[in-house]
């Protein structure tokens, strides 16, 4: 799978004396015309691509399907194809490590337009997460405004906005 980008958080100067934890994630790119299936998160006021961490021993595509079903209620997931890998180094704010090195494996796929009921985790409910179909250009403009103006933006918004731009360029 092609590498899309490597991103290093500005707080990470070097890795020489850092404890690094590895994490793999899978993300589902679901496009229908100019609309894309995204998650709106009220807490961070942003749009993100459905997906998340892969469990130990879990196949990456199986993890992508699980995350897509859980976060959006997507049904009849099919025509899965590799899109690319987004690599990032971010601060890790837990005692076992200083830095998280994450690979996000992104896949395109198709789903039924009508979504079922999602199965959000407690933190996703508290963050005000909601799945929705939205015009990709509106989502990009919204995220760019959040990046420019919001002090509460999450660390993932730069990744998500980069991916949205690339999806719009290559898939529309």
N, C-alpha and C. Protein backbone atom coordinates (compact mmCIF):
# COMPACT_ATOMS: atom_id res chain seq x y z
N UNK A 1 0.86 -1.18 0.00
CA UNK A 1 0.00 0.00 0.00
C UNK A 1 0.90 1.24 0.00
N UNK A 2 0.52 2.25 -0.75
CA UNK A 2 1.34 3.46 -0.86
C UNK A 2 1.31 4.29 0.43
N UNK A 3 2.42 4.97 0.70
CA UNK A 3 2.47 5.87 1.85
C UNK A 3 1.96 7.23 1.39
N UNK A 4 0.98 7.77 2.12
CA UNK A 4 0.37 9.04 1.77
C UNK A 4 1.15 10.21 2.35
N UNK A 5 1.56 10.06 3.61
CA UNK A 5 2.27 11.15 4.29
C UNK A 5 2.82 10.63 5.61
N UNK A 6 3.92 11.24 6.05
CA UNK A 6 4.42 11.04 7.41
C UNK A 6 4.32 12.39 8.12
N UNK A 7 3.66 12.39 9.26
CA UNK A 7 3.44 13.61 10.02
C UNK A 7 4.09 13.47 11.40
N UNK A 8 4.85 14.49 11.77
CA UNK A 8 5.50 14.50 13.09
C UNK A 8 4.99 15.71 13.85
N UNK A 9 4.37 15.46 14.99
CA UNK A 9 3.82 16.54 15.82
C UNK A 9 4.95 17.50 16.20
N UNK A 10 4.69 18.82 16.19
CA UNK A 10 5.75 19.79 16.49
C UNK A 10 6.37 19.67 17.88
N UNK A 11 5.69 19.04 18.83
CA UNK A 11 6.24 18.86 20.17
C UNK A 11 7.29 17.74 20.24
N UNK A 12 7.44 16.99 19.15
CA UNK A 12 8.41 15.88 19.14
C UNK A 12 9.63 16.33 18.34
N UNK A 13 10.70 16.64 19.06
CA UNK A 13 11.91 17.09 18.40
C UNK A 13 12.74 15.93 17.85
N UNK A 14 12.84 14.86 18.62
CA UNK A 14 13.61 13.68 18.23
C UNK A 14 13.09 12.49 19.03
N UNK A 15 13.52 11.30 18.66
CA UNK A 15 13.06 10.09 19.33
C UNK A 15 14.18 9.41 20.13
N UNK A 16 15.34 10.04 20.22
CA UNK A 16 16.52 9.41 20.82
C UNK A 16 16.28 8.84 22.21
N UNK A 17 15.67 9.59 23.09
CA UNK A 17 15.47 9.12 24.47
C UNK A 17 14.00 8.88 24.78
N UNK A 18 13.20 8.67 23.76
CA UNK A 18 11.75 8.53 23.94
C UNK A 18 11.34 7.05 23.92
N UNK A 19 10.32 6.76 24.72
CA UNK A 19 9.68 5.45 24.65
C UNK A 19 8.52 5.59 23.66
N UNK A 20 8.55 4.75 22.62
CA UNK A 20 7.59 4.85 21.53
C UNK A 20 6.65 3.65 21.56
N UNK A 21 5.37 3.91 21.52
CA UNK A 21 4.36 2.85 21.44
C UNK A 21 3.84 2.80 20.00
N UNK A 22 3.69 1.59 19.48
CA UNK A 22 3.19 1.40 18.11
C UNK A 22 1.68 1.17 18.15
N UNK A 23 0.99 1.76 17.18
CA UNK A 23 -0.46 1.56 17.08
C UNK A 23 -0.84 1.51 15.61
N UNK A 24 -1.69 0.56 15.26
CA UNK A 24 -2.24 0.48 13.91
C UNK A 24 -3.71 0.82 13.97
N UNK A 25 -4.16 1.54 12.95
CA UNK A 25 -5.56 1.91 12.83
C UNK A 25 -5.99 1.64 11.40
N UNK A 26 -7.30 1.52 11.21
CA UNK A 26 -7.87 1.36 9.87
C UNK A 26 -8.97 2.40 9.70
N UNK A 27 -9.03 2.99 8.52
CA UNK A 27 -10.00 4.04 8.23
C UNK A 27 -10.73 3.71 6.93
N UNK A 28 -12.03 4.02 6.90
CA UNK A 28 -12.89 3.68 5.76
C UNK A 28 -13.28 4.94 5.00
N UNK A 29 -12.89 4.99 3.74
CA UNK A 29 -13.23 6.10 2.85
C UNK A 29 -14.44 5.67 2.03
N UNK A 30 -15.59 6.29 2.33
CA UNK A 30 -16.85 5.91 1.69
C UNK A 30 -17.39 7.15 0.97
N UNK A 31 -17.34 7.11 -0.37
CA UNK A 31 -17.74 8.25 -1.18
C UNK A 31 -18.93 7.86 -2.06
N UNK A 32 -19.89 8.77 -2.17
CA UNK A 32 -21.05 8.60 -3.06
C UNK A 32 -21.24 9.93 -3.79
N UNK A 33 -20.74 10.02 -5.02
CA UNK A 33 -20.74 11.30 -5.72
C UNK A 33 -19.79 12.24 -5.01
N UNK A 34 -20.28 13.45 -4.67
CA UNK A 34 -19.45 14.40 -3.91
C UNK A 34 -19.71 14.31 -2.41
N UNK A 35 -20.53 13.35 -2.00
CA UNK A 35 -20.78 13.17 -0.58
C UNK A 35 -19.89 12.07 -0.04
N UNK A 36 -19.51 12.25 1.22
CA UNK A 36 -18.64 11.30 1.90
C UNK A 36 -19.24 11.00 3.27
N UNK A 37 -19.10 9.76 3.71
CA UNK A 37 -19.59 9.35 5.02
C UNK A 37 -18.53 9.72 6.06
N UNK A 38 -18.88 10.64 6.95
CA UNK A 38 -17.95 11.12 7.97
C UNK A 38 -18.58 11.09 9.34
N UNK A 39 -17.74 11.29 10.34
CA UNK A 39 -18.19 11.44 11.72
C UNK A 39 -18.01 12.90 12.12
N UNK A 40 -19.08 13.51 12.59
CA UNK A 40 -18.97 14.85 13.15
C UNK A 40 -18.82 14.67 14.65
N UNK A 41 -17.82 15.35 15.24
CA UNK A 41 -17.60 15.29 16.68
C UNK A 41 -17.80 16.68 17.26
N UNK A 42 -18.85 16.80 18.06
CA UNK A 42 -19.23 18.10 18.63
C UNK A 42 -18.11 18.67 19.51
N UNK A 43 -17.47 17.82 20.32
CA UNK A 43 -16.43 18.30 21.24
C UNK A 43 -15.31 19.04 20.51
N UNK A 44 -14.88 18.48 19.38
CA UNK A 44 -13.76 19.07 18.63
C UNK A 44 -14.22 19.91 17.45
N UNK A 45 -15.54 19.88 17.17
CA UNK A 45 -16.12 20.66 16.07
C UNK A 45 -15.42 20.33 14.75
N UNK A 46 -15.32 18.99 14.48
CA UNK A 46 -14.63 18.57 13.26
C UNK A 46 -15.29 17.36 12.62
N UNK A 47 -14.89 17.11 11.38
CA UNK A 47 -15.33 15.94 10.64
C UNK A 47 -14.15 14.99 10.49
N UNK A 48 -14.39 13.69 10.74
CA UNK A 48 -13.33 12.70 10.63
C UNK A 48 -13.83 11.49 9.83
N UNK A 49 -12.87 10.77 9.29
CA UNK A 49 -13.15 9.55 8.54
C UNK A 49 -13.38 8.43 9.54
N UNK A 50 -14.42 7.62 9.34
CA UNK A 50 -14.67 6.52 10.28
C UNK A 50 -13.49 5.57 10.36
N UNK A 51 -13.19 5.13 11.56
CA UNK A 51 -12.10 4.17 11.76
C UNK A 51 -11.53 4.28 13.14
N UNK A 52 -10.55 3.45 13.41
CA UNK A 52 -9.93 3.48 14.72
C UNK A 52 -8.93 2.36 14.88
N UNK A 53 -8.54 2.13 16.10
CA UNK A 53 -7.49 1.18 16.43
C UNK A 53 -7.84 -0.25 16.09
N UNK A 54 -6.80 -0.98 15.68
CA UNK A 54 -6.91 -2.40 15.37
C UNK A 54 -6.56 -3.18 16.64
N UNK A 55 -7.40 -4.13 17.00
CA UNK A 55 -7.15 -4.96 18.17
C UNK A 55 -5.98 -5.92 17.91
N UNK A 56 -5.29 -6.33 18.97
CA UNK A 56 -4.19 -7.30 18.83
C UNK A 56 -4.67 -8.54 18.11
N UNK A 57 -3.95 -8.93 17.06
CA UNK A 57 -4.29 -10.14 16.31
C UNK A 57 -5.41 -9.96 15.30
N UNK A 58 -5.99 -8.77 15.23
CA UNK A 58 -7.10 -8.53 14.32
C UNK A 58 -6.58 -8.19 12.92
N UNK A 59 -7.19 -8.75 11.91
CA UNK A 59 -6.89 -8.42 10.53
C UNK A 59 -7.26 -6.95 10.29
N UNK A 60 -6.44 -6.23 9.52
CA UNK A 60 -6.67 -4.80 9.33
C UNK A 60 -7.99 -4.53 8.61
N UNK A 61 -8.31 -5.28 7.58
CA UNK A 61 -9.58 -5.07 6.88
C UNK A 61 -10.76 -5.42 7.78
N UNK A 62 -10.64 -6.50 8.55
CA UNK A 62 -11.70 -6.87 9.51
C UNK A 62 -11.89 -5.75 10.53
N UNK A 63 -10.79 -5.13 10.97
CA UNK A 63 -10.88 -4.01 11.91
C UNK A 63 -11.54 -2.80 11.28
N UNK A 64 -11.23 -2.54 10.02
CA UNK A 64 -11.86 -1.41 9.32
C UNK A 64 -13.37 -1.64 9.22
N UNK A 65 -13.78 -2.85 8.86
CA UNK A 65 -15.21 -3.17 8.77
C UNK A 65 -15.87 -3.02 10.13
N UNK A 66 -15.23 -3.54 11.18
CA UNK A 66 -15.79 -3.45 12.54
C UNK A 66 -15.97 -1.99 12.95
N UNK A 67 -14.92 -1.18 12.76
CA UNK A 67 -15.00 0.23 13.13
C UNK A 67 -16.07 0.97 12.33
N UNK A 68 -16.16 0.71 11.03
CA UNK A 68 -17.15 1.36 10.18
C UNK A 68 -18.57 1.00 10.63
N UNK A 69 -18.80 -0.27 10.93
CA UNK A 69 -20.12 -0.69 11.42
C UNK A 69 -20.44 -0.05 12.77
N UNK A 70 -19.46 -0.08 13.70
CA UNK A 70 -19.70 0.46 15.04
C UNK A 70 -19.95 1.97 15.01
N UNK A 71 -19.16 2.71 14.24
CA UNK A 71 -19.23 4.16 14.29
C UNK A 71 -20.32 4.77 13.41
N UNK A 72 -20.73 4.06 12.36
CA UNK A 72 -21.71 4.65 11.44
C UNK A 72 -22.98 3.83 11.26
N UNK A 73 -22.95 2.57 11.66
CA UNK A 73 -24.08 1.69 11.38
C UNK A 73 -24.10 1.25 9.92
N UNK A 74 -22.99 1.40 9.21
CA UNK A 74 -22.92 1.03 7.80
C UNK A 74 -23.29 -0.44 7.60
N UNK A 75 -23.97 -0.69 6.49
CA UNK A 75 -24.42 -2.04 6.15
C UNK A 75 -23.99 -2.37 4.73
N UNK A 76 -23.82 -3.67 4.46
CA UNK A 76 -23.45 -4.16 3.13
C UNK A 76 -22.14 -3.54 2.66
N UNK A 77 -21.11 -3.64 3.47
CA UNK A 77 -19.80 -3.09 3.15
C UNK A 77 -19.14 -4.00 2.11
N UNK A 78 -18.75 -3.40 0.98
CA UNK A 78 -18.19 -4.20 -0.11
C UNK A 78 -17.25 -3.35 -0.98
N UNK A 79 -16.66 -3.97 -1.98
CA UNK A 79 -15.73 -3.33 -2.92
C UNK A 79 -14.61 -2.60 -2.16
N UNK A 80 -13.97 -3.31 -1.26
CA UNK A 80 -12.91 -2.74 -0.42
C UNK A 80 -11.59 -2.73 -1.21
N UNK A 81 -10.96 -1.55 -1.28
CA UNK A 81 -9.70 -1.40 -2.01
C UNK A 81 -8.74 -0.53 -1.20
N UNK A 82 -7.43 -0.83 -1.26
CA UNK A 82 -6.47 -0.01 -0.53
C UNK A 82 -6.40 1.41 -1.09
N UNK A 83 -6.29 2.39 -0.19
CA UNK A 83 -6.12 3.79 -0.60
C UNK A 83 -4.72 4.29 -0.23
N UNK A 84 -4.26 3.98 0.98
CA UNK A 84 -2.92 4.39 1.37
C UNK A 84 -2.73 4.39 2.87
N UNK A 85 -1.48 4.63 3.29
CA UNK A 85 -1.11 4.64 4.71
C UNK A 85 -0.69 6.05 5.11
N UNK A 86 -1.28 6.53 6.20
CA UNK A 86 -0.90 7.81 6.80
C UNK A 86 -0.14 7.47 8.08
N UNK A 87 1.13 7.89 8.15
CA UNK A 87 1.97 7.60 9.31
C UNK A 87 2.11 8.86 10.15
N UNK A 88 2.03 8.70 11.46
CA UNK A 88 2.22 9.88 12.31
C UNK A 88 2.89 9.53 13.62
N UNK A 89 3.61 10.54 14.13
CA UNK A 89 4.24 10.49 15.44
C UNK A 89 3.59 11.57 16.27
N UNK A 90 2.93 11.18 17.38
CA UNK A 90 2.21 12.13 18.23
C UNK A 90 2.60 11.92 19.69
N UNK A 91 2.50 12.98 20.48
CA UNK A 91 2.73 12.79 21.93
C UNK A 91 1.74 11.77 22.49
N UNK A 92 2.21 10.97 23.41
CA UNK A 92 1.37 9.97 24.08
C UNK A 92 1.31 10.37 25.54
N UNK A 93 0.13 10.63 26.04
CA UNK A 93 -0.02 11.20 27.38
C UNK A 93 -0.41 10.13 28.41
N UNK A 94 0.24 8.98 28.32
CA UNK A 94 0.02 7.92 29.30
C UNK A 94 1.39 7.45 29.78
N UNK A 95 1.47 6.86 30.99
CA UNK A 95 2.77 6.58 31.59
C UNK A 95 3.66 5.59 30.84
N UNK A 96 3.08 4.71 30.01
CA UNK A 96 3.90 3.66 29.40
C UNK A 96 4.75 4.12 28.21
N UNK A 97 4.52 5.32 27.70
CA UNK A 97 5.30 5.79 26.55
C UNK A 97 5.24 7.31 26.44
N UNK A 98 6.17 7.85 25.63
CA UNK A 98 6.23 9.29 25.39
C UNK A 98 5.61 9.67 24.05
N UNK A 99 5.73 8.74 23.08
CA UNK A 99 5.32 9.02 21.71
C UNK A 99 4.51 7.85 21.17
N UNK A 100 3.46 8.16 20.42
CA UNK A 100 2.71 7.14 19.70
C UNK A 100 3.11 7.22 18.23
N UNK A 101 3.52 6.08 17.69
CA UNK A 101 3.82 5.96 16.26
C UNK A 101 2.67 5.17 15.65
N UNK A 102 1.83 5.87 14.87
CA UNK A 102 0.62 5.24 14.35
C UNK A 102 0.65 5.16 12.83
N UNK A 103 0.21 4.00 12.35
CA UNK A 103 -0.03 3.81 10.92
C UNK A 103 -1.54 3.69 10.74
N UNK A 104 -2.13 4.58 9.95
CA UNK A 104 -3.55 4.51 9.60
C UNK A 104 -3.66 3.92 8.21
N UNK A 105 -4.19 2.70 8.13
CA UNK A 105 -4.39 2.02 6.86
C UNK A 105 -5.76 2.43 6.33
N UNK A 106 -5.77 3.15 5.21
CA UNK A 106 -7.01 3.68 4.66
C UNK A 106 -7.46 2.85 3.47
N UNK A 107 -8.74 2.50 3.48
CA UNK A 107 -9.34 1.71 2.41
C UNK A 107 -10.59 2.42 1.90
N UNK A 108 -10.81 2.35 0.59
CA UNK A 108 -12.08 2.81 0.04
C UNK A 108 -13.04 1.63 0.06
N UNK A 109 -14.32 1.92 0.15
CA UNK A 109 -15.32 0.87 0.09
C UNK A 109 -16.67 1.49 -0.24
N UNK A 110 -17.62 0.63 -0.50
CA UNK A 110 -19.00 1.03 -0.76
C UNK A 110 -19.88 0.47 0.35
N UNK A 111 -20.94 1.20 0.67
CA UNK A 111 -21.92 0.76 1.66
C UNK A 111 -23.31 1.16 1.18
N UNK A 112 -24.34 0.58 1.80
CA UNK A 112 -25.70 1.03 1.53
C UNK A 112 -25.84 2.48 1.99
N UNK A 113 -26.57 3.27 1.23
CA UNK A 113 -26.74 4.69 1.56
C UNK A 113 -27.43 4.86 2.92
N UNK A 114 -28.41 4.05 3.19
CA UNK A 114 -29.12 4.13 4.48
C UNK A 114 -28.29 3.43 5.56
N UNK A 115 -28.06 4.15 6.64
CA UNK A 115 -27.23 3.64 7.73
C UNK A 115 -28.08 3.01 8.81
N UNK A 116 -27.55 1.98 9.45
CA UNK A 116 -28.20 1.38 10.61
C UNK A 116 -27.82 2.13 11.87
N UNK A 117 -28.05 1.49 13.00
CA UNK A 117 -27.77 2.11 14.29
C UNK A 117 -26.31 1.88 14.66
N UNK A 118 -25.57 2.96 14.96
CA UNK A 118 -24.18 2.79 15.40
C UNK A 118 -24.10 2.24 16.82
N UNK A 119 -22.93 1.77 17.20
CA UNK A 119 -22.68 1.25 18.55
C UNK A 119 -21.52 2.03 19.15
N UNK A 120 -21.80 3.27 19.55
CA UNK A 120 -20.74 4.14 20.06
C UNK A 120 -20.24 3.69 21.42
N UNK A 121 -18.94 3.95 21.65
CA UNK A 121 -18.36 3.74 22.97
C UNK A 121 -18.72 4.96 23.82
N UNK A 122 -18.57 4.82 25.15
CA UNK A 122 -18.96 5.90 26.07
C UNK A 122 -18.29 7.24 25.72
N UNK A 123 -16.98 7.21 25.43
CA UNK A 123 -16.28 8.46 25.14
C UNK A 123 -16.78 9.08 23.84
N UNK A 124 -17.19 8.25 22.88
CA UNK A 124 -17.72 8.78 21.62
C UNK A 124 -19.06 9.47 21.84
N UNK A 125 -19.87 8.92 22.73
CA UNK A 125 -21.15 9.54 23.08
C UNK A 125 -20.89 10.87 23.80
N UNK A 126 -19.96 10.87 24.77
CA UNK A 126 -19.62 12.09 25.51
C UNK A 126 -19.06 13.18 24.60
N UNK A 127 -18.33 12.77 23.54
CA UNK A 127 -17.77 13.73 22.60
C UNK A 127 -18.80 14.22 21.57
N UNK A 128 -20.00 13.67 21.59
CA UNK A 128 -21.04 14.10 20.66
C UNK A 128 -20.78 13.65 19.24
N UNK A 129 -20.40 12.39 19.06
CA UNK A 129 -20.10 11.86 17.73
C UNK A 129 -21.38 11.48 17.00
N UNK A 130 -21.41 11.79 15.70
CA UNK A 130 -22.58 11.45 14.88
C UNK A 130 -22.12 11.18 13.45
N UNK A 131 -22.58 10.07 12.88
CA UNK A 131 -22.26 9.73 11.49
C UNK A 131 -23.21 10.48 10.57
N UNK A 132 -22.66 10.94 9.43
CA UNK A 132 -23.50 11.63 8.45
C UNK A 132 -22.86 11.65 7.07
N UNK A 133 -23.71 11.73 6.07
CA UNK A 133 -23.27 11.98 4.71
C UNK A 133 -23.19 13.49 4.54
N UNK A 134 -22.09 13.98 4.00
CA UNK A 134 -21.91 15.42 3.82
C UNK A 134 -21.09 15.66 2.56
N UNK A 135 -21.33 16.78 1.92
CA UNK A 135 -20.52 17.17 0.77
C UNK A 135 -19.07 17.32 1.22
N UNK A 136 -18.15 16.69 0.52
CA UNK A 136 -16.75 16.68 0.94
C UNK A 136 -16.15 18.08 0.99
N UNK A 137 -16.55 18.95 0.06
CA UNK A 137 -15.99 20.31 0.04
C UNK A 137 -16.46 21.13 1.25
N UNK A 138 -17.69 20.90 1.68
CA UNK A 138 -18.21 21.56 2.89
C UNK A 138 -17.44 21.06 4.12
N UNK A 139 -17.19 19.76 4.18
CA UNK A 139 -16.44 19.19 5.31
C UNK A 139 -15.01 19.74 5.36
N UNK A 140 -14.36 19.85 4.20
CA UNK A 140 -13.00 20.39 4.15
C UNK A 140 -13.00 21.84 4.64
N UNK A 141 -13.91 22.65 4.12
CA UNK A 141 -13.98 24.06 4.53
C UNK A 141 -14.25 24.18 6.03
N UNK A 142 -15.14 23.34 6.55
CA UNK A 142 -15.45 23.36 7.98
C UNK A 142 -14.20 23.04 8.81
N UNK A 143 -13.48 21.95 8.44
CA UNK A 143 -12.28 21.57 9.18
C UNK A 143 -11.20 22.65 9.10
N UNK A 144 -11.05 23.26 7.94
CA UNK A 144 -10.04 24.32 7.80
C UNK A 144 -10.38 25.51 8.69
N UNK A 145 -11.66 25.83 8.81
CA UNK A 145 -12.08 26.91 9.70
C UNK A 145 -11.81 26.54 11.16
N UNK A 146 -12.07 25.29 11.51
CA UNK A 146 -11.78 24.82 12.88
C UNK A 146 -10.29 24.88 13.17
N UNK A 147 -9.45 24.45 12.22
CA UNK A 147 -7.99 24.51 12.40
C UNK A 147 -7.55 25.95 12.65
N UNK A 148 -8.12 26.89 11.90
CA UNK A 148 -7.71 28.29 11.99
C UNK A 148 -8.22 28.97 13.26
N UNK A 149 -9.38 28.56 13.76
CA UNK A 149 -10.05 29.35 14.80
C UNK A 149 -10.31 28.66 16.13
N UNK A 150 -10.17 27.34 16.23
CA UNK A 150 -10.62 26.67 17.44
C UNK A 150 -9.46 26.29 18.37
N UNK A 151 -9.51 26.76 19.63
CA UNK A 151 -8.49 26.35 20.59
C UNK A 151 -8.72 24.92 21.09
N UNK A 152 -9.90 24.33 20.85
CA UNK A 152 -10.20 23.00 21.37
C UNK A 152 -10.06 21.90 20.31
N UNK A 153 -9.45 22.21 19.17
CA UNK A 153 -9.33 21.21 18.11
C UNK A 153 -8.51 20.02 18.58
N UNK A 154 -8.85 18.85 18.06
CA UNK A 154 -8.13 17.63 18.40
C UNK A 154 -6.87 17.50 17.56
N UNK A 155 -6.00 16.55 17.93
CA UNK A 155 -4.74 16.37 17.22
C UNK A 155 -4.93 15.71 15.86
N UNK A 156 -6.07 15.08 15.64
CA UNK A 156 -6.25 14.34 14.40
C UNK A 156 -6.78 15.19 13.25
N UNK A 157 -7.17 16.42 13.48
CA UNK A 157 -7.83 17.21 12.43
C UNK A 157 -6.91 17.49 11.24
N UNK A 158 -5.62 17.64 11.47
CA UNK A 158 -4.71 17.85 10.34
C UNK A 158 -4.66 16.62 9.45
N UNK A 159 -4.59 15.43 10.06
CA UNK A 159 -4.61 14.18 9.30
C UNK A 159 -5.90 14.08 8.49
N UNK A 160 -7.00 14.31 9.17
CA UNK A 160 -8.30 14.15 8.52
C UNK A 160 -8.47 15.12 7.36
N UNK A 161 -8.05 16.36 7.53
CA UNK A 161 -8.21 17.36 6.48
C UNK A 161 -7.28 17.06 5.31
N UNK A 162 -6.05 16.61 5.59
CA UNK A 162 -5.15 16.16 4.52
C UNK A 162 -5.81 15.05 3.71
N UNK A 163 -6.36 14.05 4.40
CA UNK A 163 -6.99 12.92 3.72
C UNK A 163 -8.20 13.37 2.90
N UNK A 164 -9.00 14.27 3.45
CA UNK A 164 -10.18 14.76 2.71
C UNK A 164 -9.76 15.47 1.42
N UNK A 165 -8.72 16.29 1.50
CA UNK A 165 -8.21 16.96 0.29
C UNK A 165 -7.76 15.93 -0.75
N UNK A 166 -7.03 14.91 -0.31
CA UNK A 166 -6.53 13.89 -1.22
C UNK A 166 -7.68 13.08 -1.84
N UNK A 167 -8.65 12.74 -1.05
CA UNK A 167 -9.83 12.02 -1.54
C UNK A 167 -10.55 12.85 -2.59
N UNK A 168 -10.76 14.14 -2.31
CA UNK A 168 -11.44 15.02 -3.27
C UNK A 168 -10.66 15.10 -4.57
N UNK A 169 -9.34 15.18 -4.47
CA UNK A 169 -8.49 15.30 -5.66
C UNK A 169 -8.50 14.02 -6.50
N UNK A 170 -8.43 12.86 -5.83
CA UNK A 170 -8.25 11.61 -6.54
C UNK A 170 -9.54 10.85 -6.86
N UNK A 171 -10.59 11.08 -6.08
CA UNK A 171 -11.78 10.24 -6.24
C UNK A 171 -12.99 10.94 -6.82
N UNK A 172 -12.98 12.28 -6.89
CA UNK A 172 -14.16 12.98 -7.41
C UNK A 172 -13.98 13.34 -8.86
